[in-house]
Amino acid sequence: MLEAGYEYAARSVPVRRCGCLGHCDEGPNVVYGGVVYTDMDPAKMRALLAGLGLSG
């Protein structure tokens, strides 16, 4: 997920590791704007970034 974030996010979007989100059984997880997006994969990450206008 970090690789997909680094590769597809606009340079102005911070991509970093974080601690426990309390959703381990639904992971991998991505948090943006206080929303936890669960069951992510690189394709979902690209779609999320594009949908939020954050792709680079």
Protein backbone atom coordinates (compact mmCIF):
# COMPACT_ATOMS: atom_id res chain seq x y z
CA MET A 1 0.00 0.00 0.00
CA LEU A 2 2.86 2.36 0.74
CA GLU A 3 4.37 1.68 -2.68
CA ALA A 4 1.05 2.32 -4.42
CA GLY A 5 0.60 5.50 -2.40
CA TYR A 6 4.08 6.77 -3.22
CA GLU A 7 3.68 5.87 -6.88
CA TYR A 8 0.18 7.21 -7.53
CA ALA A 9 -0.42 10.01 -5.01
CA ALA A 10 0.21 13.61 -5.95
CA ARG A 11 3.46 14.83 -4.41
CA SER A 12 1.51 17.13 -2.09
CA VAL A 13 -0.23 14.15 -0.42
CA PRO A 14 1.65 12.75 2.60
CA VAL A 15 2.05 8.97 2.49
CA ARG A 16 3.37 7.36 5.66
CA ARG A 17 3.05 4.38 7.97
CA CYS A 18 0.84 4.63 11.02
CA GLY A 19 0.08 2.69 14.16
CA CYS A 20 -2.89 0.51 14.89
CA LEU A 21 -6.19 1.67 13.37
CA GLY A 22 -8.23 -1.03 15.07
CA HIS A 23 -9.24 -2.59 11.75
CA CYS A 24 -6.56 -5.26 11.31
CA ASP A 25 -9.06 -7.93 10.27
CA GLU A 26 -10.22 -5.62 7.44
CA GLY A 27 -6.76 -4.58 6.19
CA PRO A 28 -4.78 -3.40 4.49
CA ASN A 29 -6.18 -0.02 5.49
CA VAL A 30 -5.76 3.56 4.28
CA VAL A 31 -6.77 6.67 6.23
CA TYR A 32 -7.57 9.98 4.58
CA GLY A 33 -9.50 12.86 6.07
CA GLY A 34 -10.30 10.84 9.17
CA VAL A 35 -11.97 8.10 7.11
CA VAL A 36 -10.59 4.54 7.24
CA TYR A 37 -10.75 2.76 3.88
CA THR A 38 -10.50 -0.99 4.43
CA ASP A 39 -9.62 -4.06 2.33
CA MET A 40 -7.40 -1.99 0.04
CA ASP A 41 -5.12 -3.16 -2.75
CA PRO A 42 -3.07 -1.17 -5.29
CA ALA A 43 -5.96 -0.93 -7.80
CA LYS A 44 -8.34 0.30 -5.08
CA MET A 45 -5.66 2.75 -3.92
CA ARG A 46 -5.34 4.20 -7.44
CA ALA A 47 -9.14 4.49 -7.75
CA LEU A 48 -9.42 6.13 -4.32
CA LEU A 49 -6.72 8.68 -5.10
CA ALA A 50 -8.28 9.46 -8.47
CA GLY A 51 -11.76 9.75 -6.98
CA LEU A 52 -10.50 12.17 -4.33
CA GLY A 53 -8.57 14.18 -6.92
CA LEU A 54 -5.27 13.25 -5.27
CA SER A 55 -3.54 11.25 -8.01
CA GLY A 56 -0.27 12.53 -9.36
